[in-house]
């Protein structure tokens, strides 16, 4: 990032001095082939029209101007007008004190991209009808990590869980528990087609027997179902909160859907939409005119039976979000809700907000594997692996890293056997071991009375091999990775980066001795490099909510 920032600043000043504004769509990035330098830019191609010059002619001018502005740079013109820029080793060596100095200032990688803009991230928000399963776990890891990354990039972030504690599914939960309660008392029952079958329903019914004895048997069905529903929701939510805490996931706000309905706020939102011509009555139902706002058809808000739809509550909920002053709201949903995105975007537009103020991230399914075989899961049938069980088996670190190892809208194979192995083919072990490896070097150095010392220019100049410079260039990219992950809502980019950095570190060990190189100054220089690598690994793992252990065994 220092390299990109430096080159961008030079080019901006040079272009401004020639009366040329910074052109849109200008890119500055490492070339795919390192033979073409450290960075490549299309600035001349993008600015040629405004400059009134041919792209290659402007590129030649910029090449000379860059060489004058920073004699340490090597600049070449390639193709129709690309600029390939190579920095001197001293530039990359200065990355180390930059990393070490920032460790006491909030950490290397933090930027001001967000400039304090307020973002709300809502994630998990599972219906309190059963324990969290691993699909919820993937969304939880994604939301929690995204919040960490956005904060590191300078955004003011609030995290929230929307509790769907109103509506038909809650009633069905209460009915399922009441019927199990009746069954435990020897009563014959008729099961609804879509009732909840999990063992946890029986457990809840047993708890109600312990609390109420047989008193619910003589109550009217509606009253007994109310008691069962309330107890079930409270118990399940308590379990959800514990599971999330064990998974190192937290929410600052727990928002109840029931408060919107009981407080009349949903009805107020419908009235407002009607008054503005965005909702209308037809066939005894209330409809949202979403087709006029980009959806493929209009949507029902209140059925002819008088029952409110989930969509009605969701519009009201998002109105409440924006009323709280958020600039952007991020919703993390399961991939099966993809059809819901256009209607929610239409709703946000109807609320007077830009469609860009809503960001929906879809989370694809997780295929859980054991012994090479996929485990079949069904929440309603009660056949699923709970998040709690997976975390208990493999640990929060392994689970979180695996959930964040791929882009969220791609399917994920989660191999339980693989992530328990203490081997380099285990992705989380591969990265954590890189950090532990560095700390092991420092522990051995301390035993021998060796200290890295100050990162002065003369000492750092010893870091001049291709492996040294490769690590330094990669370390320089970390702040940009954080910014890109924040700007694109993509925590997996941090995971990718950490694996690349770990791979470079493991290769470095294969190529170079550190404590036994026979040169004290070179040892100190390499220790400083490794210390910087460890700090970046720890910072990146923290953004994923994964620990950076000091010691690890290798098998």
Protein backbone atom coordinates (compact mmCIF):
# COMPACT_ATOMS: atom_id res chain seq x y z
CA UNK A 1 0.00 0.00 0.00
CA UNK A 2 2.90 2.35 0.67
CA UNK A 3 4.03 1.66 -2.88
CA UNK A 4 0.60 2.28 -4.43
CA UNK A 5 0.03 5.39 -2.31
CA UNK A 6 3.47 6.76 -3.20
CA UNK A 7 3.07 6.19 -6.94
CA UNK A 8 -0.47 7.55 -6.98
CA UNK A 9 0.64 10.69 -5.15
CA UNK A 10 3.50 11.25 -7.60
CA UNK A 11 1.26 10.73 -10.64
CA UNK A 12 -1.49 12.95 -9.21
CA UNK A 13 0.97 15.81 -8.66
CA UNK A 14 2.56 15.34 -12.09
CA UNK A 15 -0.79 15.29 -13.91
CA UNK A 16 -2.10 18.25 -11.91
CA UNK A 17 1.05 20.19 -12.79
CA UNK A 18 0.21 19.63 -16.44
CA UNK A 19 -3.42 20.64 -15.94
CA UNK A 20 -4.72 17.08 -16.28
CA UNK A 21 -7.25 15.81 -13.69
CA UNK A 22 -6.82 12.36 -12.21
CA UNK A 23 -8.55 10.07 -14.73
CA UNK A 24 -11.28 7.68 -13.69
CA UNK A 25 -10.67 3.95 -14.10
CA UNK A 26 -6.96 4.41 -13.49
CA UNK A 27 -5.45 1.27 -12.00
CA UNK A 28 -2.22 0.83 -10.07
CA UNK A 29 -1.50 -2.79 -9.20
CA UNK A 30 1.23 -5.42 -9.17
CA UNK A 31 1.65 -6.98 -12.64
CA UNK A 32 0.95 -10.67 -13.03
CA UNK A 33 4.51 -11.25 -14.15
CA UNK A 34 7.08 -9.82 -11.69
CA UNK A 35 9.50 -9.32 -14.59
CA UNK A 36 7.45 -6.25 -15.48
CA UNK A 37 8.27 -4.47 -12.23
CA UNK A 38 6.64 -3.95 -8.88
CA UNK A 39 3.63 -1.95 -10.06
CA UNK A 40 1.92 -1.31 -13.38
CA UNK A 41 -0.47 1.53 -14.19
CA UNK A 42 -2.67 2.52 -17.10
CA UNK A 43 -2.65 6.21 -16.07
CA UNK A 44 -1.30 7.38 -19.44
CA UNK A 45 -3.94 5.42 -21.33
CA UNK A 46 -6.73 6.87 -19.20
CA UNK A 47 -5.40 10.47 -19.27
CA UNK A 48 -4.40 10.63 -22.94
CA UNK A 49 -7.66 12.14 -24.19
CA UNK A 50 -7.71 14.91 -21.57
CA UNK A 51 -4.03 15.60 -22.29
CA UNK A 52 -4.60 15.72 -26.05
CA UNK A 53 -1.75 13.26 -26.64
CA UNK A 54 -1.28 9.74 -27.86
CA UNK A 55 -1.17 7.33 -24.91
CA UNK A 56 2.39 6.19 -25.56
CA UNK A 57 3.64 9.76 -25.97
CA UNK A 58 2.04 10.74 -22.67
CA UNK A 59 3.51 7.62 -21.06
CA UNK A 60 7.01 8.70 -22.15
CA UNK A 61 6.40 12.13 -20.61
CA UNK A 62 5.17 10.60 -17.36
CA UNK A 63 8.16 8.24 -17.31
CA UNK A 64 10.57 11.18 -17.39
CA UNK A 65 8.55 13.15 -14.83
CA UNK A 66 8.44 10.17 -12.44
CA UNK A 67 12.20 9.67 -12.74
CA UNK A 68 12.71 13.34 -11.90
CA UNK A 69 10.26 13.24 -8.97
CA UNK A 70 11.80 10.10 -7.46
CA UNK A 71 15.21 9.15 -8.86
CA UNK A 72 15.05 5.82 -7.02
CA UNK A 73 12.29 4.55 -9.32
CA UNK A 74 12.92 2.60 -12.49
CA UNK A 75 10.11 3.33 -14.96
CA UNK A 76 9.54 1.67 -18.32
CA UNK A 77 6.87 2.18 -20.97
CA UNK A 78 5.21 -0.98 -22.26
CA UNK A 79 2.69 -1.77 -24.98
CA UNK A 80 0.30 1.02 -25.99
CA UNK A 81 1.18 3.17 -22.96
CA UNK A 82 1.41 1.18 -19.74
CA UNK A 83 3.96 2.25 -17.15
CA UNK A 84 5.91 -0.45 -15.32
CA UNK A 85 7.52 0.82 -12.13
CA UNK A 86 10.22 -0.84 -10.05
CA UNK A 87 11.09 0.41 -6.57
CA UNK A 88 14.57 0.18 -5.05
CA UNK A 89 15.18 -2.43 -2.32
CA UNK A 90 15.48 0.36 0.27
CA UNK A 91 11.83 1.28 -0.33
CA UNK A 92 10.65 -2.24 0.46
CA UNK A 93 13.01 -2.58 3.43
CA UNK A 94 11.37 0.50 4.97
CA UNK A 95 8.14 -1.53 5.21
CA UNK A 96 9.50 -3.17 8.37
CA UNK A 97 9.77 -0.07 10.59
CA UNK A 98 6.41 1.05 9.23
CA UNK A 99 4.83 -2.19 10.49
CA UNK A 100 6.69 -2.19 13.80
CA UNK A 101 5.90 1.48 14.50
CA UNK A 102 2.19 1.04 13.84
CA UNK A 103 1.91 -1.88 16.24
CA UNK A 104 1.55 0.64 19.06
CA UNK A 105 -0.84 2.84 17.06
CA UNK A 106 -3.78 0.52 16.54
CA UNK A 107 -2.01 -1.96 14.30
CA UNK A 108 -0.64 -2.16 10.79
CA UNK A 109 -3.32 -2.44 8.12
CA UNK A 110 -5.76 0.07 9.60
CA UNK A 111 -6.84 2.79 7.18
CA UNK A 112 -9.29 5.70 6.98
CA UNK A 113 -11.23 4.50 3.92
CA UNK A 114 -14.55 4.67 5.76
CA UNK A 115 -13.96 8.17 7.15
CA UNK A 116 -16.37 7.43 10.00
CA UNK A 117 -19.36 6.55 7.79
CA UNK A 118 -21.96 4.57 9.72
CA UNK A 119 -22.60 1.00 8.63
CA UNK A 120 -24.93 -1.53 10.17
CA UNK A 121 -24.22 -5.21 9.61
CA UNK A 122 -27.09 -7.60 10.32
CA UNK A 123 -26.21 -11.27 10.31
CA UNK A 124 -27.35 -14.70 11.44
CA UNK A 125 -30.92 -13.53 12.33
CA UNK A 126 -32.03 -17.17 12.36
CA UNK A 127 -35.62 -17.85 13.32
CA UNK A 128 -35.62 -18.97 16.98
CA UNK A 129 -37.18 -22.29 16.03
CA UNK A 130 -34.14 -24.47 16.67
CA UNK A 131 -30.39 -24.52 17.32
CA UNK A 132 -27.98 -22.87 14.91
CA UNK A 133 -26.68 -25.19 12.19
CA UNK A 134 -23.46 -24.88 10.23
CA UNK A 135 -25.12 -22.76 7.53
CA UNK A 136 -25.85 -20.19 10.20
CA UNK A 137 -22.24 -20.58 11.33
CA UNK A 138 -20.93 -19.52 7.93
CA UNK A 139 -23.11 -16.40 8.01
CA UNK A 140 -22.03 -15.69 11.59
CA UNK A 141 -18.34 -15.89 10.76
CA UNK A 142 -18.86 -13.74 7.67
CA UNK A 143 -20.81 -11.01 9.47
CA UNK A 144 -18.53 -10.86 12.48
CA UNK A 145 -15.37 -10.77 10.34
CA UNK A 146 -16.84 -8.17 8.00
CA UNK A 147 -17.61 -5.93 10.97
CA UNK A 148 -14.00 -6.27 12.16
CA UNK A 149 -12.66 -5.45 8.70
CA UNK A 150 -14.95 -2.44 8.23
CA UNK A 151 -13.84 -1.06 11.60
CA UNK A 152 -10.19 -1.56 10.62
CA UNK A 153 -10.91 0.41 7.43
CA UNK A 154 -12.29 3.38 9.36
CA UNK A 155 -16.05 2.74 9.31
CA UNK A 156 -18.32 3.27 12.32
CA UNK A 157 -19.94 -0.18 12.56
CA UNK A 158 -22.93 -1.48 14.49
CA UNK A 159 -23.81 -5.18 14.50
CA UNK A 160 -27.33 -6.54 14.85
CA UNK A 161 -29.38 -9.74 15.09
CA UNK A 162 -33.00 -9.51 13.92
CA UNK A 163 -35.13 -11.90 16.00
CA UNK A 164 -38.02 -13.22 13.91
CA UNK A 165 -40.23 -13.79 16.94
CA UNK A 166 -43.59 -13.00 15.31
CA UNK A 167 -45.65 -14.79 12.70
CA UNK A 168 -46.61 -18.28 11.62
CA UNK A 169 -43.30 -20.06 12.28
CA UNK A 170 -43.35 -19.00 15.91
CA UNK A 171 -46.88 -20.29 16.26
CA UNK A 172 -45.85 -23.56 14.67
CA UNK A 173 -42.98 -23.86 17.16
CA UNK A 174 -45.39 -23.38 20.07
CA UNK A 175 -47.77 -25.95 18.58
CA UNK A 176 -44.96 -28.49 18.10
CA UNK A 177 -43.84 -28.12 21.73
CA UNK A 178 -47.42 -28.33 23.05
CA UNK A 179 -48.09 -31.51 21.07
CA UNK A 180 -44.90 -33.09 22.45
CA UNK A 181 -46.03 -31.99 25.92
CA UNK A 182 -49.36 -33.75 25.37
CA UNK A 183 -47.59 -36.84 24.07
CA UNK A 184 -45.42 -36.97 27.20
CA UNK A 185 -48.65 -37.12 29.19
CA UNK A 186 -49.88 -40.09 27.19
CA UNK A 187 -52.28 -38.14 24.97
CA UNK A 188 -52.78 -39.06 21.33
CA UNK A 189 -52.01 -36.17 19.00
CA UNK A 190 -52.41 -35.33 15.32
CA UNK A 191 -49.20 -33.89 13.94
CA UNK A 192 -49.33 -30.99 11.44
CA UNK A 193 -47.59 -31.61 8.13
CA UNK A 194 -44.82 -29.06 8.74
CA UNK A 195 -44.22 -29.40 12.48
CA UNK A 196 -40.75 -29.23 14.05
CA UNK A 197 -39.45 -32.75 14.69
CA UNK A 198 -36.04 -32.26 16.31
CA UNK A 199 -35.04 -33.88 19.60
CA UNK A 200 -34.74 -30.39 21.06
CA UNK A 201 -38.55 -30.05 20.82
CA UNK A 202 -38.93 -33.09 23.08
CA UNK A 203 -36.35 -31.61 25.48
CA UNK A 204 -38.30 -28.35 25.66
CA UNK A 205 -41.53 -30.25 26.29
CA UNK A 206 -39.87 -32.21 29.10
CA UNK A 207 -38.68 -28.94 30.68
CA UNK A 208 -42.25 -27.61 30.55
CA UNK A 209 -43.48 -30.78 32.27
CA UNK A 210 -40.91 -30.18 35.01
CA UNK A 211 -42.05 -26.57 35.38
CA UNK A 212 -45.82 -26.86 34.95
CA UNK A 213 -46.55 -30.49 35.63
CA UNK A 214 -49.91 -31.35 34.03
CA UNK A 215 -51.46 -27.88 34.38
CA UNK A 216 -51.26 -27.09 30.67
CA UNK A 217 -53.51 -30.06 29.88
CA UNK A 218 -56.59 -28.29 31.22
CA UNK A 219 -55.82 -24.92 29.60
CA UNK A 220 -57.46 -23.73 26.39
CA UNK A 221 -55.33 -24.70 23.41
CA UNK A 222 -54.48 -21.08 22.52
CA UNK A 223 -53.30 -20.25 26.05
CA UNK A 224 -51.24 -23.42 26.35
CA UNK A 225 -49.69 -22.82 22.95
CA UNK A 226 -48.79 -19.24 23.99
CA UNK A 227 -46.91 -20.58 27.04
CA UNK A 228 -45.11 -23.20 24.96
CA UNK A 229 -44.20 -20.67 22.29
CA UNK A 230 -42.82 -18.11 24.73
CA UNK A 231 -40.82 -20.70 26.60
CA UNK A 232 -39.50 -22.22 23.38
CA UNK A 233 -38.41 -18.89 21.89
CA UNK A 234 -36.70 -17.77 25.10
CA UNK A 235 -34.90 -21.08 25.56
CA UNK A 236 -33.80 -21.35 21.94
CA UNK A 237 -32.60 -17.74 21.88
CA UNK A 238 -30.58 -18.35 25.04
CA UNK A 239 -28.96 -21.32 23.29
CA UNK A 240 -28.29 -19.29 20.16
CA UNK A 241 -26.58 -16.55 22.16
CA UNK A 242 -24.39 -19.07 23.94
CA UNK A 243 -23.45 -20.83 20.69
CA UNK A 244 -22.50 -17.50 19.10
CA UNK A 245 -20.45 -16.47 22.13
CA UNK A 246 -18.58 -19.80 22.01
CA UNK A 247 -17.95 -19.07 18.32
CA UNK A 248 -16.52 -15.62 19.20
CA UNK A 249 -19.41 -13.86 17.48
CA UNK A 250 -21.16 -10.94 19.12
CA UNK A 251 -24.02 -8.59 18.30
CA UNK A 252 -24.42 -5.14 19.79
CA UNK A 253 -28.17 -5.04 19.15
CA UNK A 254 -30.81 -7.80 19.42
CA UNK A 255 -33.87 -6.45 17.62
CA UNK A 256 -37.27 -8.11 18.11
CA UNK A 257 -39.69 -8.28 15.17
CA UNK A 258 -42.51 -8.51 17.71
CA UNK A 259 -41.81 -4.94 18.87
CA UNK A 260 -42.52 -3.68 15.36
CA UNK A 261 -45.85 -5.49 15.12
CA UNK A 262 -47.13 -4.93 18.65
CA UNK A 263 -46.14 -1.27 18.60
CA UNK A 264 -48.16 -0.60 15.47
CA UNK A 265 -45.11 0.45 13.53
CA UNK A 266 -45.73 -1.96 10.66
CA UNK A 267 -49.23 -0.56 10.20
CA UNK A 268 -47.80 2.97 10.27
CA UNK A 269 -45.33 2.02 7.54
CA UNK A 270 -48.14 0.58 5.39
CA UNK A 271 -50.17 3.74 5.86
CA UNK A 272 -47.20 5.86 4.81
CA UNK A 273 -46.69 3.77 1.66
CA UNK A 274 -50.39 4.07 0.80
CA UNK A 275 -50.31 7.83 1.28
CA UNK A 276 -47.41 8.09 -1.16
CA UNK A 277 -49.05 5.86 -3.75
CA UNK A 278 -46.58 3.02 -3.18
CA UNK A 279 -49.12 0.59 -1.68
CA UNK A 280 -52.68 -0.18 -2.70
CA UNK A 281 -55.59 -2.51 -1.90
CA UNK A 282 -56.71 -5.23 -4.28
CA UNK A 283 -58.79 -8.38 -3.74
CA UNK A 284 -58.97 -7.66 -0.03
CA UNK A 285 -55.16 -7.58 0.34
CA UNK A 286 -52.64 -4.75 0.58
CA UNK A 287 -49.97 -4.73 -2.13
CA UNK A 288 -46.60 -2.99 -2.44
CA UNK A 289 -46.10 -1.37 -5.87
CA UNK A 290 -42.63 -2.87 -6.14
CA UNK A 291 -42.76 -3.53 -9.89
CA UNK A 292 -42.57 0.23 -10.53
CA UNK A 293 -39.35 0.26 -8.48
CA UNK A 294 -37.49 -2.50 -10.30
CA UNK A 295 -39.00 -5.71 -8.92
CA UNK A 296 -40.49 -8.26 -11.34
CA UNK A 297 -43.98 -7.96 -9.80
CA UNK A 298 -45.92 -6.29 -6.99
CA UNK A 299 -45.79 -7.97 -3.59
CA UNK A 300 -48.40 -8.66 -0.91
CA UNK A 301 -47.93 -6.82 2.39
CA UNK A 302 -51.12 -7.93 4.13
CA UNK A 303 -53.05 -10.97 3.01
CA UNK A 304 -56.81 -10.94 2.52
CA UNK A 305 -57.02 -12.86 5.82
CA UNK A 306 -55.52 -9.82 7.56
CA UNK A 307 -52.21 -11.58 8.28
CA UNK A 308 -49.11 -9.47 7.70
CA UNK A 309 -46.39 -10.93 5.47
CA UNK A 310 -42.74 -11.11 6.47
CA UNK A 311 -42.06 -8.53 3.78
CA UNK A 312 -44.25 -5.97 5.54
CA UNK A 313 -42.22 -6.35 8.72
CA UNK A 314 -38.98 -6.24 6.75
CA UNK A 315 -39.88 -2.90 5.14
CA UNK A 316 -40.68 -1.46 8.54
CA UNK A 317 -37.49 -2.90 9.99
CA UNK A 318 -35.35 -1.29 7.28
CA UNK A 319 -37.16 2.01 7.76
CA UNK A 320 -36.14 1.77 11.41
CA UNK A 321 -32.53 1.04 10.42
CA UNK A 322 -32.25 4.14 8.27
CA UNK A 323 -34.06 6.24 10.87
CA UNK A 324 -31.18 5.38 13.20
CA UNK A 325 -28.81 7.22 10.86
CA UNK A 326 -26.93 4.45 9.08
CA UNK A 327 -25.38 5.38 5.74
CA UNK A 328 -25.26 1.77 4.59
CA UNK A 329 -27.07 -1.30 5.88
CA UNK A 330 -25.64 -4.73 5.15
CA UNK A 331 -27.92 -7.77 5.22
CA UNK A 332 -26.38 -11.24 5.22
CA UNK A 333 -28.85 -13.85 3.98
CA UNK A 334 -28.84 -17.47 2.93
CA UNK A 335 -28.46 -18.04 -0.82
CA UNK A 336 -32.03 -19.35 -0.97
CA UNK A 337 -33.20 -15.75 -0.40
CA UNK A 338 -31.69 -14.46 -3.66
CA UNK A 339 -35.15 -13.80 -5.08
CA UNK A 340 -35.85 -11.51 -2.13
CA UNK A 341 -33.09 -9.04 -3.08
CA UNK A 342 -34.95 -7.10 -5.84
CA UNK A 343 -38.04 -6.57 -3.67
CA UNK A 344 -35.93 -5.41 -0.71
CA UNK A 345 -34.03 -3.05 -2.98
CA UNK A 346 -37.38 -1.70 -4.19
CA UNK A 347 -38.46 -1.24 -0.58
CA UNK A 348 -35.32 0.74 0.25
CA UNK A 349 -35.96 2.94 -2.77
CA UNK A 350 -39.54 3.47 -1.58
CA UNK A 351 -38.13 4.60 1.76
CA UNK A 352 -36.33 7.40 -0.07
CA UNK A 353 -32.88 5.85 0.08
CA UNK A 354 -30.45 5.06 -2.71
CA UNK A 355 -30.38 1.38 -3.71
CA UNK A 356 -26.65 1.56 -3.01
CA UNK A 357 -27.40 2.13 0.67
CA UNK A 358 -28.47 -1.52 0.92
CA UNK A 359 -25.90 -4.24 0.47
CA UNK A 360 -27.13 -7.84 0.50
CA UNK A 361 -24.54 -10.58 0.84
CA UNK A 362 -25.70 -14.09 0.05
CA UNK A 363 -24.21 -17.07 1.87
CA UNK A 364 -24.22 -20.38 0.04
CA UNK A 365 -24.75 -23.80 1.56
CA UNK A 366 -22.09 -25.70 3.48
CA UNK A 367 -21.51 -29.35 2.61
CA UNK A 368 -20.31 -31.02 5.78
CA UNK A 369 -18.07 -34.02 5.11
CA UNK A 370 -16.97 -36.83 7.38
CA UNK A 371 -14.92 -39.74 6.13
CA UNK A 372 -15.27 -38.33 2.63
CA UNK A 373 -19.07 -38.61 2.77
CA UNK A 374 -21.52 -35.71 2.89
CA UNK A 375 -23.70 -35.52 5.99
CA UNK A 376 -27.39 -35.13 5.11
CA UNK A 377 -29.15 -32.30 6.92
CA UNK A 378 -32.72 -31.05 7.33
CA UNK A 379 -33.61 -28.47 9.96
CA UNK A 380 -37.34 -29.18 10.12
CA UNK A 381 -36.80 -32.93 10.27
CA UNK A 382 -34.28 -32.37 13.05
CA UNK A 383 -31.44 -33.96 11.08
CA UNK A 384 -28.58 -31.49 11.06
CA UNK A 385 -25.17 -30.81 12.51
CA UNK A 386 -25.44 -27.95 14.95
CA UNK A 387 -22.88 -25.17 15.00
CA UNK A 388 -22.22 -26.03 18.65
CA UNK A 389 -21.35 -29.64 17.77
CA UNK A 390 -18.99 -28.60 14.98
CA UNK A 391 -17.22 -26.02 17.17
CA UNK A 392 -16.90 -28.58 19.97
CA UNK A 393 -15.33 -31.07 17.54
CA UNK A 394 -12.91 -28.88 15.54
CA UNK A 395 -12.66 -25.64 17.55
CA UNK A 396 -13.75 -22.09 16.80
CA UNK A 397 -10.50 -21.25 14.98
CA UNK A 398 -10.78 -24.05 12.44
CA UNK A 399 -14.51 -23.50 11.91
CA UNK A 400 -14.20 -19.74 11.41
CA UNK A 401 -11.22 -20.01 9.06
CA UNK A 402 -12.91 -22.66 6.93
CA UNK A 403 -16.14 -20.67 6.70
CA UNK A 404 -14.10 -17.67 5.49
CA UNK A 405 -11.85 -19.63 3.15
CA UNK A 406 -14.04 -19.06 0.10
CA UNK A 407 -16.26 -16.35 -1.31
CA UNK A 408 -19.56 -16.48 0.55
CA UNK A 409 -21.75 -17.04 -2.51
CA UNK A 410 -19.78 -20.15 -3.50
CA UNK A 411 -20.58 -23.62 -2.09
CA UNK A 412 -18.21 -24.74 0.64
CA UNK A 413 -17.06 -28.26 1.42
CA UNK A 414 -16.21 -28.45 5.12
CA UNK A 415 -14.13 -31.57 5.75
CA UNK A 416 -14.25 -32.30 9.48
CA UNK A 417 -11.38 -34.78 9.24
CA UNK A 418 -9.12 -32.37 7.36
CA UNK A 419 -9.44 -29.43 9.76
CA UNK A 420 -8.51 -31.61 12.74
CA UNK A 421 -5.19 -32.66 11.24
CA UNK A 422 -1.98 -31.04 12.50
CA UNK A 423 -0.54 -31.05 8.97
CA UNK A 424 0.25 -28.47 6.31
CA UNK A 425 -2.67 -29.56 4.12
CA UNK A 426 -5.03 -28.16 6.77
CA UNK A 427 -5.60 -24.50 5.71
CA UNK A 428 -6.03 -23.07 9.22
CA UNK A 429 -3.07 -25.03 10.56
CA UNK A 430 -0.98 -23.83 7.59
CA UNK A 431 -1.54 -20.17 8.55
CA UNK A 432 -1.45 -20.54 12.32
CA UNK A 433 1.73 -22.59 12.11
CA UNK A 434 3.40 -19.78 10.13
CA UNK A 435 2.86 -17.45 13.10
CA UNK A 436 3.91 -20.07 15.65
CA UNK A 437 7.01 -20.79 13.57
CA UNK A 438 8.17 -17.18 13.87
CA UNK A 439 7.49 -17.08 17.59
CA UNK A 440 9.48 -20.29 17.98
CA UNK A 441 12.49 -18.63 16.31
CA UNK A 442 12.23 -15.72 18.74
CA UNK A 443 11.92 -18.07 21.71
CA UNK A 444 15.12 -19.86 20.63
CA UNK A 445 16.83 -16.51 20.04
CA UNK A 446 15.94 -15.39 23.56
CA UNK A 447 17.45 -18.58 24.98
CA UNK A 448 20.68 -17.74 23.15
CA UNK A 449 20.63 -14.09 24.17
CA UNK A 450 20.01 -12.84 20.63
CA UNK A 451 17.81 -9.76 20.07
CA UNK A 452 16.70 -8.30 16.75
CA UNK A 453 17.69 -4.76 17.68
CA UNK A 454 16.61 -1.57 15.95
CA UNK A 455 15.35 -1.65 12.34
CA UNK A 456 17.92 0.84 11.04
CA UNK A 457 18.59 1.27 7.33
CA UNK A 458 22.04 -0.33 7.42
CA UNK A 459 20.70 -3.48 9.07
CA UNK A 460 17.67 -3.73 6.82
CA UNK A 461 19.85 -3.31 3.74
CA UNK A 462 21.00 -6.90 4.33
CA UNK A 463 17.50 -8.03 3.26
CA UNK A 464 18.27 -8.07 -0.45
CA UNK A 465 17.54 -11.59 -1.71
CA UNK A 466 14.54 -12.32 -3.96
CA UNK A 467 12.90 -14.11 -1.02
CA UNK A 468 13.44 -11.12 1.29
CA UNK A 469 12.01 -8.67 -1.23
CA UNK A 470 9.12 -10.99 -2.09
CA UNK A 471 8.04 -11.09 1.56
CA UNK A 472 8.44 -7.32 1.91
CA UNK A 473 6.33 -6.61 -1.17
CA UNK A 474 3.61 -8.89 0.16
CA UNK A 475 3.68 -7.23 3.58
CA UNK A 476 3.24 -3.86 1.90
CA UNK A 477 0.01 -5.09 0.29
CA UNK A 478 -1.79 -5.88 3.56
CA UNK A 479 -3.45 -2.44 4.12
CA UNK A 480 -4.72 -2.54 0.53
CA UNK A 481 -6.13 -6.03 1.09
CA UNK A 482 -8.00 -4.74 4.16
CA UNK A 483 -9.36 -1.77 2.19
CA UNK A 484 -10.44 -3.94 -0.73
CA UNK A 485 -12.08 -6.47 1.59
CA UNK A 486 -13.99 -3.62 3.27
CA UNK A 487 -14.96 -1.88 0.03
CA UNK A 488 -16.22 -5.11 -1.56
CA UNK A 489 -17.57 -6.73 1.64
CA UNK A 490 -15.28 -9.71 1.04
CA UNK A 491 -13.58 -11.14 4.16
CA UNK A 492 -12.34 -14.10 2.15
CA UNK A 493 -9.74 -11.79 0.57
CA UNK A 494 -8.00 -11.60 3.96
CA UNK A 495 -8.04 -15.40 4.14
CA UNK A 496 -6.48 -15.65 0.67
CA UNK A 497 -3.81 -13.12 1.62
CA UNK A 498 -2.89 -14.94 4.83
CA UNK A 499 -2.42 -18.19 2.95
CA UNK A 500 -0.19 -16.43 0.41
CA UNK A 501 1.87 -14.79 3.15
CA UNK A 502 2.17 -18.08 5.05
CA UNK A 503 3.30 -19.84 1.89
CA UNK A 504 5.99 -17.23 1.31
CA UNK A 505 7.15 -17.58 4.91
CA UNK A 506 7.35 -21.38 4.75
CA UNK A 507 9.33 -21.09 1.49
CA UNK A 508 11.63 -18.55 3.12
CA UNK A 509 12.48 -21.03 5.87
CA UNK A 510 13.37 -23.60 3.22
CA UNK A 511 15.72 -21.13 1.51
CA UNK A 512 17.37 -19.27 4.40
CA UNK A 513 18.77 -19.90 7.84
CA UNK A 514 17.89 -17.30 10.46
CA UNK A 515 19.69 -18.06 13.72
CA UNK A 516 22.39 -20.25 12.17
CA UNK A 517 23.36 -18.15 9.17
CA UNK A 518 26.78 -17.33 10.63
CA UNK A 519 26.33 -13.56 10.38
CA UNK A 520 25.00 -11.69 13.44
CA UNK A 521 23.80 -8.64 11.51
CA UNK A 522 22.07 -10.78 8.92
CA UNK A 523 20.42 -12.77 11.73
CA UNK A 524 19.09 -9.55 13.28
CA UNK A 525 17.81 -8.31 9.92
CA UNK A 526 16.00 -11.58 9.25
CA UNK A 527 14.54 -11.57 12.75
CA UNK A 528 13.12 -8.10 12.08
CA UNK A 529 11.60 -9.36 8.83
CA UNK A 530 10.07 -12.37 10.56
CA UNK A 531 8.74 -10.18 13.37
CA UNK A 532 6.95 -8.01 10.80
CA UNK A 533 5.50 -11.11 9.14
CA UNK A 534 4.22 -12.41 12.48
CA UNK A 535 2.59 -9.06 13.30
CA UNK A 536 0.76 -9.03 9.96
CA UNK A 537 -0.31 -12.65 10.34
CA UNK A 538 -1.67 -11.88 13.79
CA UNK A 539 -3.48 -8.77 12.54
CA UNK A 540 -5.02 -10.67 9.63
CA UNK A 541 -6.10 -13.60 11.77
CA UNK A 542 -7.68 -11.17 14.25
CA UNK A 543 -9.80 -9.75 11.41
CA UNK A 544 -11.09 -13.28 10.84
CA UNK A 545 -11.65 -13.85 14.55
CA UNK A 546 -8.99 -16.56 14.59
CA UNK A 547 -6.26 -16.90 17.21
CA UNK A 548 -2.53 -16.63 16.44
CA UNK A 549 -0.94 -19.28 18.69
CA UNK A 550 2.59 -18.94 20.03
CA UNK A 551 3.26 -22.69 19.86
CA UNK A 552 1.99 -25.53 17.66
CA UNK A 553 3.02 -29.12 17.14
CA UNK A 554 3.63 -30.42 13.64
CA UNK A 555 2.88 -34.00 12.65
